[in-house]
Structure formats: C-alpha cells, structure tokens
N, C-alpha and C. Protein backbone atom coordinates (compact mmCIF):
# COMPACT_ATOMS: atom_id res chain seq x y z
N MET A 1 4.94 -28.87 6.12
CA MET A 1 4.44 -29.09 4.59
C MET A 1 5.78 -29.02 3.84
N GLU A 2 5.81 -30.09 2.84
CA GLU A 2 7.22 -30.14 2.19
C GLU A 2 6.98 -28.74 1.04
N ALA A 3 5.96 -28.07 0.86
CA ALA A 3 6.14 -26.98 -0.29
C ALA A 3 6.98 -25.95 0.80
N ASP A 4 6.60 -25.59 1.98
CA ASP A 4 7.23 -24.60 2.80
C ASP A 4 8.39 -25.14 3.06
N ARG A 5 9.30 -25.93 3.17
CA ARG A 5 10.70 -26.49 3.20
C ARG A 5 11.20 -26.50 1.51
N LEU A 6 10.57 -26.46 0.69
CA LEU A 6 11.16 -25.86 -0.82
C LEU A 6 11.25 -24.28 -1.20
N LYS A 7 10.12 -23.58 -0.66
CA LYS A 7 10.32 -22.26 -0.02
C LYS A 7 11.19 -21.70 0.49
N GLY A 8 11.64 -22.41 1.16
CA GLY A 8 12.56 -21.57 2.45
C GLY A 8 14.16 -22.31 1.37
N LEU A 9 14.59 -22.86 0.57
CA LEU A 9 15.51 -22.90 -0.09
C LEU A 9 15.97 -21.72 -0.89
N ARG A 10 17.10 -21.35 -1.12
CA ARG A 10 17.39 -20.19 -1.73
C ARG A 10 16.65 -19.86 -3.22
N GLU A 11 17.25 -20.77 -3.97
CA GLU A 11 17.08 -20.86 -5.15
C GLU A 11 15.49 -21.55 -5.83
N THR A 12 14.82 -21.75 -5.14
CA THR A 12 13.53 -22.72 -5.40
C THR A 12 12.38 -21.94 -5.67
N LYS A 13 11.87 -22.00 -6.50
CA LYS A 13 10.43 -21.10 -7.09
C LYS A 13 9.03 -22.62 -6.96
N VAL A 14 8.43 -22.09 -6.34
CA VAL A 14 7.15 -23.44 -6.51
C VAL A 14 6.20 -22.43 -7.20
N VAL A 15 5.75 -23.36 -8.30
CA VAL A 15 4.61 -22.73 -9.02
C VAL A 15 3.81 -23.88 -8.93
N ALA A 16 2.42 -23.62 -8.39
CA ALA A 16 1.09 -24.53 -7.91
C ALA A 16 0.24 -24.35 -9.21
N LEU A 17 -0.11 -25.80 -9.66
CA LEU A 17 -1.23 -26.05 -10.64
C LEU A 17 -2.78 -26.49 -10.36
N GLY A 18 -3.55 -25.49 -10.25
CA GLY A 18 -4.91 -26.57 -9.76
C GLY A 18 -5.46 -26.80 -10.83
N ILE A 19 -6.33 -28.22 -11.17
CA ILE A 19 -7.11 -28.73 -12.21
C ILE A 19 -8.31 -28.90 -11.46
N GLY A 20 -9.53 -28.45 -12.33
CA GLY A 20 -10.88 -28.90 -11.89
C GLY A 20 -11.49 -27.81 -10.85
N SER A 21 -12.63 -27.95 -10.68
CA SER A 21 -13.61 -27.04 -10.06
C SER A 21 -13.30 -27.09 -8.48
N GLY A 22 -12.74 -27.95 -8.14
CA GLY A 22 -12.69 -28.35 -6.38
C GLY A 22 -11.71 -28.22 -6.04
N VAL A 23 -10.52 -27.14 -6.52
CA VAL A 23 -9.32 -26.99 -5.87
C VAL A 23 -9.50 -25.89 -5.12
N ASN A 24 -8.41 -26.14 -3.92
CA ASN A 24 -8.59 -24.52 -2.66
C ASN A 24 -7.54 -24.01 -3.20
N GLN A 25 -7.95 -22.74 -3.86
CA GLN A 25 -7.41 -21.45 -4.02
C GLN A 25 -6.71 -21.11 -3.00
N THR A 26 -6.91 -20.88 -1.57
CA THR A 26 -6.04 -20.70 -0.28
C THR A 26 -5.00 -21.68 -0.26
N GLU A 27 -5.01 -23.06 0.00
CA GLU A 27 -4.22 -24.03 -0.28
C GLU A 27 -2.91 -23.68 -1.59
N LEU A 28 -3.78 -23.47 -2.65
CA LEU A 28 -2.60 -23.12 -3.59
C LEU A 28 -1.94 -21.93 -3.44
N ASN A 29 -2.37 -20.61 -2.92
CA ASN A 29 -1.93 -19.50 -2.89
C ASN A 29 -0.84 -20.11 -1.69
N ASN A 30 -0.99 -20.72 -0.74
CA ASN A 30 -0.18 -20.81 0.45
C ASN A 30 1.29 -21.75 -0.03
N THR A 31 0.65 -22.61 -1.12
CA THR A 31 1.97 -23.81 -1.39
C THR A 31 2.73 -22.98 -2.21
N ALA A 32 2.23 -21.68 -3.09
CA ALA A 32 3.06 -21.38 -4.30
C ALA A 32 4.23 -20.24 -3.75
N SER A 33 5.39 -19.96 -4.48
CA SER A 33 6.20 -19.06 -4.26
C SER A 33 5.36 -17.58 -4.38
N ALA A 34 5.71 -16.51 -3.54
CA ALA A 34 5.35 -14.92 -3.84
C ALA A 34 5.46 -14.71 -5.27
N PRO A 35 4.83 -13.87 -5.90
CA PRO A 35 3.46 -13.47 -5.54
C PRO A 35 2.90 -14.80 -6.55
N PRO A 36 1.58 -15.02 -5.56
CA PRO A 36 0.66 -16.30 -6.35
C PRO A 36 -0.34 -15.46 -7.55
N ASP A 37 -0.31 -14.70 -7.93
CA ASP A 37 -1.05 -14.08 -9.17
C ASP A 37 0.21 -14.63 -10.32
N LYS A 38 1.30 -14.74 -10.19
CA LYS A 38 2.29 -15.39 -10.86
C LYS A 38 2.29 -16.89 -11.23
N ASN A 39 2.53 -17.43 -9.62
CA ASN A 39 2.76 -18.54 -9.16
C ASN A 39 1.85 -20.06 -9.14
N VAL A 40 0.50 -19.08 -9.11
CA VAL A 40 -0.78 -20.38 -9.17
C VAL A 40 -1.73 -19.90 -10.40
N ILE A 41 -1.51 -21.03 -11.09
CA ILE A 41 -2.42 -21.21 -12.40
C ILE A 41 -3.63 -22.36 -12.34
N LEU A 42 -4.46 -22.23 -12.60
CA LEU A 42 -5.99 -22.72 -12.53
C LEU A 42 -6.46 -23.08 -13.99
N VAL A 43 -6.83 -24.31 -14.13
CA VAL A 43 -7.14 -24.52 -15.51
C VAL A 43 -8.47 -25.30 -15.16
N LYS A 44 -9.58 -25.26 -15.84
CA LYS A 44 -10.97 -26.08 -15.50
C LYS A 44 -10.67 -27.43 -15.85
N ASP A 45 -9.68 -28.10 -16.59
CA ASP A 45 -9.47 -29.82 -16.89
C ASP A 45 -8.29 -30.01 -17.63
N PHE A 46 -7.96 -31.17 -17.59
CA PHE A 46 -6.84 -31.65 -17.99
C PHE A 46 -6.48 -31.20 -19.70
N THR A 47 -7.72 -30.90 -20.22
CA THR A 47 -7.70 -30.59 -21.86
C THR A 47 -7.19 -29.34 -21.83
N SER A 48 -7.38 -28.57 -20.63
CA SER A 48 -7.11 -27.09 -20.98
C SER A 48 -5.86 -26.69 -20.55
N LEU A 49 -4.85 -27.78 -20.29
CA LEU A 49 -3.38 -27.64 -19.93
C LEU A 49 -2.55 -26.76 -21.20
N ALA A 50 -3.28 -27.37 -22.57
CA ALA A 50 -2.44 -26.61 -23.52
C ALA A 50 -2.83 -25.30 -23.28
N ASP A 51 -3.90 -24.41 -23.05
CA ASP A 51 -4.20 -23.26 -22.86
C ASP A 51 -3.18 -22.41 -21.94
N VAL A 52 -2.65 -23.06 -21.11
CA VAL A 52 -2.01 -22.29 -19.70
C VAL A 52 -0.28 -22.77 -20.15
N GLU A 53 0.30 -23.40 -21.15
CA GLU A 53 1.32 -24.06 -21.29
C GLU A 53 2.49 -22.68 -21.22
N GLU A 54 2.00 -21.67 -21.98
CA GLU A 54 2.79 -20.41 -22.04
C GLU A 54 3.20 -19.80 -20.46
N GLN A 55 2.06 -19.76 -19.90
CA GLN A 55 2.12 -19.45 -18.68
C GLN A 55 2.62 -19.89 -17.66
N LEU A 56 2.74 -21.59 -17.90
CA LEU A 56 3.51 -22.55 -16.93
C LEU A 56 4.86 -22.08 -17.01
N LYS A 57 5.36 -22.54 -18.25
CA LYS A 57 6.70 -22.27 -18.49
C LYS A 57 7.15 -20.73 -18.17
N ASN A 58 6.44 -19.63 -17.98
CA ASN A 58 6.84 -18.54 -17.96
C ASN A 58 7.15 -18.38 -16.39
N ALA A 59 6.29 -19.27 -15.51
CA ALA A 59 6.40 -19.32 -14.34
C ALA A 59 7.23 -20.08 -13.76
N SER A 60 7.38 -20.90 -14.33
CA SER A 60 8.30 -21.91 -13.72
C SER A 60 9.96 -22.15 -14.30
N CYS A 61 10.18 -21.04 -15.47
CA CYS A 61 11.66 -20.96 -16.03
C CYS A 61 12.08 -19.58 -16.20
N THR A 62 11.26 -18.36 -15.60
CA THR A 62 12.06 -17.18 -15.66
C THR A 62 12.53 -17.24 -14.26
N GLY A 63 13.01 -16.28 -14.08
CA GLY A 63 13.91 -15.56 -12.67
C GLY A 63 12.96 -15.15 -11.89
N TRP A 64 13.29 -14.81 -10.62
CA TRP A 64 12.02 -14.09 -9.82
C TRP A 64 11.98 -12.77 -10.05
C-alpha cells in the first residue's frame, strides 16, 4: 500500500481525510500516521470541509 511506503519515510506524515458516511474508519486509521485521533479527519460532505480547515492545517503543517 502506498500509505505504508509514505509512513516509512522518516519525515513524512500521512493525514487521512474521510468525506461522507461511507468511509471505512479502520482503513483511514491504518492509512494515517499515528496517532489517528490527530491525523484522521472526518466530515459529512464536501461543504463541511471549511469546518475542519483549522484541524486539517494543524494536522498537516505541525511537527510530530
């Protein structure tokens, strides 16, 4: 899986974004870097992306 290769790189952080009700939470947790509570973000639809903008910035732009 590509996410596993990314997570194996020393300075790479994987943030998983799930959109909609059909997302597989386990798959997102396994894809994202640890801890999943900081690196997995869920929204109900595309219009809700603005609601998690700050969370997404923090997850993707801050250090480990």
